[in-house]
Amino acid sequence: MLKDYPNIHVVEEQTADWQRSKAMDLMNNWIVSGKKIDAVAANADEMVIGAAMAIRQAGMEPGKDILVGGSDGGAAGLEAIKRDELAVTVYQDNKGQATGSIDLALQMVRKQPYEAELTIPYQLITKANYQDFFNP
């Protein structure tokens, strides 16, 4: 996917094991390293909230000095968007994923035709629409 955006360069990539405190430590280390970081993305809101906290502790402003984006669309991520700590998150429809998985399993058990791959669409959450996701 990044090949479609040749001007985006990944300068660091590590896991924080879905933990806010580990992400905060990682981001602190990256900031201290002096590398120019324009944006940070994480595969969980908890991690990106930790990164945003480190950005703020370093005297910068998340969303202005460094763009911050996550994934999950849970309550913590929505609150972080409300506070302008996250620019975006992505709602992962766990209820839709569970229902879709059960429906697919039933089709398989019943030997009905089915698609081998099930996709539940993600939904982008921003400051403009975050309130719609508080009780999806």
N, C-alpha and C. Protein backbone atom coordinates (compact mmCIF):
# COMPACT_ATOMS: atom_id res chain seq x y z
N MET A 1 0.82 -1.19 0.00
CA MET A 1 0.00 0.00 0.00
C MET A 1 0.87 1.26 0.00
N LEU A 2 1.96 1.24 0.73
CA LEU A 2 2.82 2.42 0.75
C LEU A 2 3.47 2.68 -0.60
N LYS A 3 3.55 1.65 -1.44
CA LYS A 3 4.13 1.86 -2.77
C LYS A 3 3.30 2.85 -3.59
N ASP A 4 2.04 3.02 -3.23
CA ASP A 4 1.19 4.00 -3.90
C ASP A 4 1.49 5.43 -3.45
N TYR A 5 2.30 5.57 -2.41
CA TYR A 5 2.64 6.89 -1.85
C TYR A 5 4.16 6.99 -1.70
N PRO A 6 4.86 7.23 -2.80
CA PRO A 6 6.33 7.19 -2.76
C PRO A 6 6.97 8.25 -1.88
N ASN A 7 6.25 9.27 -1.49
CA ASN A 7 6.82 10.31 -0.64
C ASN A 7 6.68 10.01 0.85
N ILE A 8 6.03 8.90 1.18
CA ILE A 8 5.93 8.49 2.58
C ILE A 8 7.07 7.52 2.86
N HIS A 9 7.82 7.82 3.90
CA HIS A 9 8.95 6.98 4.28
C HIS A 9 8.79 6.55 5.73
N VAL A 10 8.83 5.26 5.96
CA VAL A 10 8.75 4.73 7.31
C VAL A 10 10.13 4.89 7.95
N VAL A 11 10.21 5.64 9.03
CA VAL A 11 11.49 5.86 9.69
C VAL A 11 11.68 4.96 10.91
N GLU A 12 10.61 4.48 11.48
CA GLU A 12 10.66 3.56 12.62
C GLU A 12 9.46 2.63 12.55
N GLU A 13 9.65 1.41 13.01
CA GLU A 13 8.55 0.46 13.05
C GLU A 13 8.84 -0.56 14.13
N GLN A 14 8.02 -0.54 15.17
CA GLN A 14 8.17 -1.49 16.27
C GLN A 14 6.80 -1.73 16.88
N THR A 15 6.71 -2.79 17.64
CA THR A 15 5.46 -3.07 18.33
C THR A 15 5.52 -2.60 19.78
N ALA A 16 4.37 -2.22 20.26
CA ALA A 16 4.25 -1.87 21.68
C ALA A 16 3.29 -2.84 22.37
N ASP A 17 3.06 -3.97 21.73
CA ASP A 17 2.24 -5.04 22.30
C ASP A 17 0.87 -4.56 22.77
N TRP A 18 0.29 -3.62 22.07
CA TRP A 18 -1.04 -3.09 22.35
C TRP A 18 -1.13 -2.41 23.70
N GLN A 19 0.00 -1.92 24.20
CA GLN A 19 0.03 -1.32 25.53
C GLN A 19 0.39 0.17 25.44
N ARG A 20 -0.38 0.96 26.13
CA ARG A 20 -0.19 2.41 26.13
C ARG A 20 1.19 2.79 26.67
N SER A 21 1.59 2.18 27.78
CA SER A 21 2.87 2.55 28.40
C SER A 21 4.06 2.19 27.51
N LYS A 22 4.01 1.03 26.86
CA LYS A 22 5.11 0.65 25.97
C LYS A 22 5.17 1.59 24.77
N ALA A 23 4.02 1.98 24.25
CA ALA A 23 3.99 2.90 23.12
C ALA A 23 4.54 4.26 23.52
N MET A 24 4.25 4.67 24.72
CA MET A 24 4.76 5.94 25.22
C MET A 24 6.29 5.90 25.28
N ASP A 25 6.83 4.80 25.78
CA ASP A 25 8.28 4.64 25.84
C ASP A 25 8.91 4.64 24.44
N LEU A 26 8.30 3.90 23.52
CA LEU A 26 8.81 3.87 22.15
C LEU A 26 8.84 5.26 21.52
N MET A 27 7.73 5.96 21.66
CA MET A 27 7.63 7.29 21.06
C MET A 27 8.64 8.24 21.70
N ASN A 28 8.81 8.14 23.00
CA ASN A 28 9.83 8.96 23.67
C ASN A 28 11.20 8.70 23.07
N ASN A 29 11.53 7.42 22.89
CA ASN A 29 12.83 7.06 22.30
C ASN A 29 12.97 7.62 20.89
N TRP A 30 11.92 7.54 20.10
CA TRP A 30 11.98 8.05 18.72
C TRP A 30 12.16 9.56 18.71
N ILE A 31 11.46 10.25 19.59
CA ILE A 31 11.58 11.71 19.66
C ILE A 31 13.01 12.10 20.06
N VAL A 32 13.53 11.42 21.08
CA VAL A 32 14.87 11.72 21.57
C VAL A 32 15.93 11.41 20.51
N SER A 33 15.66 10.45 19.63
CA SER A 33 16.63 10.08 18.59
C SER A 33 16.89 11.23 17.62
N GLY A 34 15.95 12.19 17.55
CA GLY A 34 16.13 13.35 16.69
C GLY A 34 15.65 13.15 15.26
N LYS A 35 15.16 11.96 14.94
CA LYS A 35 14.63 11.73 13.59
C LYS A 35 13.37 12.56 13.40
N LYS A 36 13.20 13.07 12.19
CA LYS A 36 11.99 13.84 11.88
C LYS A 36 10.83 12.87 11.71
N ILE A 37 9.79 13.07 12.50
CA ILE A 37 8.59 12.24 12.44
C ILE A 37 7.42 13.16 12.18
N ASP A 38 6.73 12.92 11.08
CA ASP A 38 5.57 13.72 10.71
C ASP A 38 4.26 13.10 11.18
N ALA A 39 4.27 11.76 11.30
CA ALA A 39 3.02 11.07 11.65
C ALA A 39 3.36 9.75 12.33
N VAL A 40 2.46 9.30 13.15
CA VAL A 40 2.58 7.98 13.78
C VAL A 40 1.23 7.29 13.65
N ALA A 41 1.28 6.00 13.31
CA ALA A 41 0.07 5.20 13.19
C ALA A 41 0.27 3.93 14.00
N ALA A 42 -0.79 3.45 14.61
CA ALA A 42 -0.70 2.23 15.41
C ALA A 42 -1.93 1.38 15.14
N ASN A 43 -1.74 0.09 15.32
CA ASN A 43 -2.81 -0.86 15.07
C ASN A 43 -3.71 -1.04 16.29
N ALA A 44 -3.69 -0.08 17.17
CA ALA A 44 -4.60 -0.07 18.32
C ALA A 44 -4.61 1.33 18.90
N ASP A 45 -5.76 1.80 19.28
CA ASP A 45 -5.86 3.13 19.87
C ASP A 45 -5.03 3.26 21.13
N GLU A 46 -4.96 2.21 21.94
CA GLU A 46 -4.18 2.28 23.18
C GLU A 46 -2.73 2.65 22.89
N MET A 47 -2.16 2.04 21.85
CA MET A 47 -0.76 2.35 21.53
C MET A 47 -0.61 3.77 21.03
N VAL A 48 -1.51 4.21 20.18
CA VAL A 48 -1.35 5.55 19.62
C VAL A 48 -1.67 6.62 20.66
N ILE A 49 -2.49 6.32 21.63
CA ILE A 49 -2.73 7.26 22.73
C ILE A 49 -1.44 7.41 23.54
N GLY A 50 -0.73 6.31 23.77
CA GLY A 50 0.55 6.38 24.44
C GLY A 50 1.54 7.23 23.66
N ALA A 51 1.56 7.07 22.34
CA ALA A 51 2.43 7.90 21.50
C ALA A 51 2.05 9.37 21.62
N ALA A 52 0.76 9.66 21.62
CA ALA A 52 0.30 11.04 21.74
C ALA A 52 0.70 11.63 23.09
N MET A 53 0.66 10.83 24.13
CA MET A 53 1.06 11.30 25.45
C MET A 53 2.55 11.66 25.46
N ALA A 54 3.36 10.83 24.80
CA ALA A 54 4.80 11.12 24.71
C ALA A 54 5.06 12.39 23.91
N ILE A 55 4.32 12.58 22.84
CA ILE A 55 4.46 13.78 22.02
C ILE A 55 4.16 15.01 22.87
N ARG A 56 3.08 14.95 23.63
CA ARG A 56 2.71 16.08 24.49
C ARG A 56 3.78 16.32 25.57
N GLN A 57 4.28 15.26 26.17
CA GLN A 57 5.32 15.40 27.20
C GLN A 57 6.61 16.02 26.64
N ALA A 58 6.83 15.82 25.35
CA ALA A 58 8.03 16.39 24.71
C ALA A 58 7.82 17.85 24.32
N GLY A 59 6.66 18.40 24.67
CA GLY A 59 6.40 19.81 24.40
C GLY A 59 5.82 20.07 23.03
N MET A 60 5.38 19.02 22.37
CA MET A 60 4.75 19.16 21.05
C MET A 60 3.26 18.88 21.19
N GLU A 61 2.55 19.16 20.12
CA GLU A 61 1.11 18.95 20.15
C GLU A 61 0.71 17.86 19.16
N PRO A 62 0.10 16.77 19.69
CA PRO A 62 -0.38 15.72 18.79
C PRO A 62 -1.41 16.30 17.82
N GLY A 63 -1.31 15.90 16.58
CA GLY A 63 -2.25 16.39 15.57
C GLY A 63 -1.77 17.64 14.88
N LYS A 64 -0.87 18.38 15.51
CA LYS A 64 -0.32 19.58 14.89
C LYS A 64 1.14 19.38 14.55
N ASP A 65 1.95 19.02 15.55
CA ASP A 65 3.37 18.79 15.29
C ASP A 65 3.60 17.40 14.68
N ILE A 66 2.87 16.43 15.17
CA ILE A 66 2.94 15.07 14.64
C ILE A 66 1.51 14.55 14.54
N LEU A 67 1.11 14.15 13.34
CA LEU A 67 -0.22 13.56 13.16
C LEU A 67 -0.26 12.20 13.83
N VAL A 68 -1.40 11.87 14.40
CA VAL A 68 -1.53 10.64 15.17
C VAL A 68 -2.81 9.93 14.73
N GLY A 69 -2.68 8.64 14.38
CA GLY A 69 -3.85 7.87 13.95
C GLY A 69 -3.80 6.46 14.48
N GLY A 70 -4.96 5.94 14.81
CA GLY A 70 -5.03 4.60 15.39
C GLY A 70 -6.05 3.72 14.72
N SER A 71 -6.38 2.65 15.42
CA SER A 71 -7.33 1.68 14.92
C SER A 71 -8.03 1.04 16.10
N ASP A 72 -9.28 0.88 16.03
CA ASP A 72 -10.18 0.22 16.97
C ASP A 72 -11.50 0.97 17.04
N GLY A 73 -11.41 2.29 17.23
CA GLY A 73 -12.63 3.07 17.32
C GLY A 73 -13.39 2.83 18.61
N GLY A 74 -12.69 2.42 19.65
CA GLY A 74 -13.32 2.21 20.94
C GLY A 74 -13.45 3.51 21.71
N ALA A 75 -13.95 3.39 22.92
CA ALA A 75 -14.24 4.58 23.74
C ALA A 75 -12.99 5.42 23.97
N ALA A 76 -11.84 4.79 24.25
CA ALA A 76 -10.62 5.56 24.51
C ALA A 76 -10.18 6.33 23.27
N GLY A 77 -10.28 5.70 22.11
CA GLY A 77 -9.93 6.38 20.86
C GLY A 77 -10.86 7.53 20.55
N LEU A 78 -12.13 7.33 20.79
CA LEU A 78 -13.12 8.39 20.54
C LEU A 78 -12.87 9.58 21.46
N GLU A 79 -12.57 9.30 22.72
CA GLU A 79 -12.27 10.39 23.65
C GLU A 79 -11.00 11.12 23.24
N ALA A 80 -10.01 10.38 22.73
CA ALA A 80 -8.76 11.01 22.28
C ALA A 80 -9.01 11.90 21.06
N ILE A 81 -9.89 11.48 20.18
CA ILE A 81 -10.26 12.34 19.04
C ILE A 81 -10.96 13.59 19.56
N LYS A 82 -11.85 13.42 20.50
CA LYS A 82 -12.57 14.55 21.08
C LYS A 82 -11.59 15.57 21.67
N ARG A 83 -10.50 15.07 22.30
CA ARG A 83 -9.49 15.94 22.91
C ARG A 83 -8.42 16.40 21.91
N ASP A 84 -8.60 16.07 20.63
CA ASP A 84 -7.65 16.43 19.57
C ASP A 84 -6.28 15.78 19.75
N GLU A 85 -6.23 14.64 20.39
CA GLU A 85 -4.98 13.90 20.50
C GLU A 85 -4.79 12.96 19.32
N LEU A 86 -5.87 12.45 18.76
CA LEU A 86 -5.82 11.60 17.58
C LEU A 86 -6.48 12.34 16.43
N ALA A 87 -5.88 12.24 15.26
CA ALA A 87 -6.51 12.83 14.08
C ALA A 87 -7.59 11.90 13.55
N VAL A 88 -7.29 10.59 13.58
CA VAL A 88 -8.24 9.59 13.06
C VAL A 88 -8.08 8.28 13.84
N THR A 89 -9.11 7.48 13.77
CA THR A 89 -9.05 6.09 14.15
C THR A 89 -9.95 5.35 13.17
N VAL A 90 -9.90 4.06 13.21
CA VAL A 90 -10.70 3.26 12.30
C VAL A 90 -11.55 2.33 13.13
N TYR A 91 -12.86 2.38 12.90
CA TYR A 91 -13.78 1.52 13.64
C TYR A 91 -13.72 0.11 13.09
N GLN A 92 -13.39 -0.82 13.97
CA GLN A 92 -13.42 -2.23 13.62
C GLN A 92 -14.70 -2.80 14.21
N ASP A 93 -15.61 -3.14 13.35
CA ASP A 93 -16.94 -3.58 13.75
C ASP A 93 -16.89 -4.99 14.31
N ASN A 94 -16.58 -5.13 15.61
CA ASN A 94 -16.45 -6.46 16.19
C ASN A 94 -17.76 -7.24 16.18
N LYS A 95 -18.87 -6.56 16.34
CA LYS A 95 -20.16 -7.25 16.26
C LYS A 95 -20.40 -7.77 14.84
N GLY A 96 -20.10 -6.93 13.85
CA GLY A 96 -20.23 -7.35 12.46
C GLY A 96 -19.28 -8.49 12.12
N GLN A 97 -18.06 -8.44 12.67
CA GLN A 97 -17.09 -9.51 12.44
C GLN A 97 -17.58 -10.82 13.05
N ALA A 98 -18.11 -10.76 14.26
CA ALA A 98 -18.60 -11.97 14.93
C ALA A 98 -19.79 -12.55 14.19
N THR A 99 -20.75 -11.70 13.84
CA THR A 99 -21.94 -12.16 13.12
C THR A 99 -21.55 -12.74 11.77
N GLY A 100 -20.68 -12.05 11.05
CA GLY A 100 -20.23 -12.54 9.75
C GLY A 100 -19.52 -13.87 9.84
N SER A 101 -18.70 -14.04 10.88
CA SER A 101 -17.97 -15.30 11.07
C SER A 101 -18.93 -16.45 11.36
N ILE A 102 -19.92 -16.20 12.20
CA ILE A 102 -20.89 -17.25 12.52
C ILE A 102 -21.71 -17.60 11.29
N ASP A 103 -22.14 -16.59 10.55
CA ASP A 103 -22.90 -16.86 9.32
C ASP A 103 -22.08 -17.69 8.34
N LEU A 104 -20.80 -17.34 8.19
CA LEU A 104 -19.93 -18.08 7.29
C LEU A 104 -19.74 -19.51 7.76
N ALA A 105 -19.54 -19.71 9.06
CA ALA A 105 -19.37 -21.06 9.60
C ALA A 105 -20.63 -21.89 9.37
N LEU A 106 -21.80 -21.28 9.56
CA LEU A 106 -23.05 -22.00 9.32
C LEU A 106 -23.20 -22.39 7.86
N GLN A 107 -22.82 -21.51 6.94
CA GLN A 107 -22.86 -21.85 5.52
C GLN A 107 -21.96 -23.04 5.22
N MET A 108 -20.80 -23.06 5.84
CA MET A 108 -19.86 -24.15 5.62
C MET A 108 -20.41 -25.47 6.17
N VAL A 109 -20.94 -25.43 7.39
CA VAL A 109 -21.49 -26.63 8.03
C VAL A 109 -22.66 -27.17 7.22
N ARG A 110 -23.47 -26.26 6.71
CA ARG A 110 -24.66 -26.66 5.93
C ARG A 110 -24.31 -27.00 4.49
N LYS A 111 -23.02 -26.92 4.17
CA LYS A 111 -22.52 -27.20 2.82
C LYS A 111 -23.20 -26.31 1.76
N GLN A 112 -23.46 -25.06 2.16
CA GLN A 112 -24.02 -24.06 1.25
C GLN A 112 -22.86 -23.33 0.57
N PRO A 113 -23.13 -22.75 -0.59
CA PRO A 113 -22.07 -21.97 -1.25
C PRO A 113 -21.65 -20.79 -0.36
N TYR A 114 -20.35 -20.51 -0.35
CA TYR A 114 -19.84 -19.40 0.46
C TYR A 114 -18.58 -18.83 -0.18
N GLU A 115 -18.29 -17.63 0.18
CA GLU A 115 -17.04 -16.99 -0.24
C GLU A 115 -15.99 -17.33 0.80
N ALA A 116 -14.80 -17.70 0.36
CA ALA A 116 -13.74 -18.10 1.28
C ALA A 116 -13.20 -16.94 2.11
N GLU A 117 -13.43 -15.74 1.65
CA GLU A 117 -12.93 -14.57 2.38
C GLU A 117 -14.10 -13.67 2.73
N LEU A 118 -14.16 -13.29 3.99
CA LEU A 118 -15.23 -12.43 4.47
C LEU A 118 -14.64 -11.08 4.84
N THR A 119 -15.17 -10.02 4.29
CA THR A 119 -14.68 -8.68 4.60
C THR A 119 -15.78 -7.88 5.27
N ILE A 120 -15.45 -7.37 6.44
CA ILE A 120 -16.34 -6.46 7.16
C ILE A 120 -15.70 -5.08 7.01
N PRO A 121 -16.37 -4.15 6.35
CA PRO A 121 -15.74 -2.85 6.07
C PRO A 121 -15.37 -2.07 7.34
N TYR A 122 -14.20 -1.45 7.27
CA TYR A 122 -13.78 -0.53 8.32
C TYR A 122 -14.43 0.82 8.05
N GLN A 123 -14.54 1.62 9.10
CA GLN A 123 -15.11 2.95 8.94
C GLN A 123 -14.16 3.97 9.55
N LEU A 124 -13.81 4.99 8.78
CA LEU A 124 -12.92 6.03 9.24
C LEU A 124 -13.65 6.94 10.23
N ILE A 125 -12.99 7.21 11.35
CA ILE A 125 -13.55 8.09 12.37
C ILE A 125 -12.65 9.31 12.50
N THR A 126 -13.26 10.47 12.41
CA THR A 126 -12.53 11.74 12.50
C THR A 126 -13.26 12.65 13.50
N LYS A 127 -12.74 13.84 13.66
CA LYS A 127 -13.38 14.83 14.52
C LYS A 127 -14.80 15.14 14.03
N ALA A 128 -15.00 15.04 12.72
CA ALA A 128 -16.31 15.38 12.14
C ALA A 128 -17.40 14.36 12.45
N ASN A 129 -17.02 13.09 12.70
CA ASN A 129 -18.06 12.08 12.88
C ASN A 129 -17.89 11.20 14.12
N TYR A 130 -16.93 11.50 14.99
CA TYR A 130 -16.65 10.61 16.12
C TYR A 130 -17.85 10.40 17.03
N GLN A 131 -18.72 11.39 17.15
CA GLN A 131 -19.87 11.25 18.04
C GLN A 131 -20.84 10.17 17.58
N ASP A 132 -20.82 9.85 16.29
CA ASP A 132 -21.71 8.81 15.76
C ASP A 132 -21.30 7.41 16.23
N PHE A 133 -20.10 7.27 16.78
CA PHE A 133 -19.59 5.95 17.12
C PHE A 133 -19.58 5.67 18.62
N PHE A 134 -20.09 6.56 19.45
CA PHE A 134 -20.07 6.33 20.87
C PHE A 134 -20.94 5.13 21.26
N ASN A 135 -22.01 4.88 20.55
CA ASN A 135 -22.85 3.71 20.81
C ASN A 135 -23.27 3.08 19.49
N PRO A 136 -22.27 2.49 18.76
CA PRO A 136 -22.63 1.92 17.44
C PRO A 136 -23.51 0.70 17.56
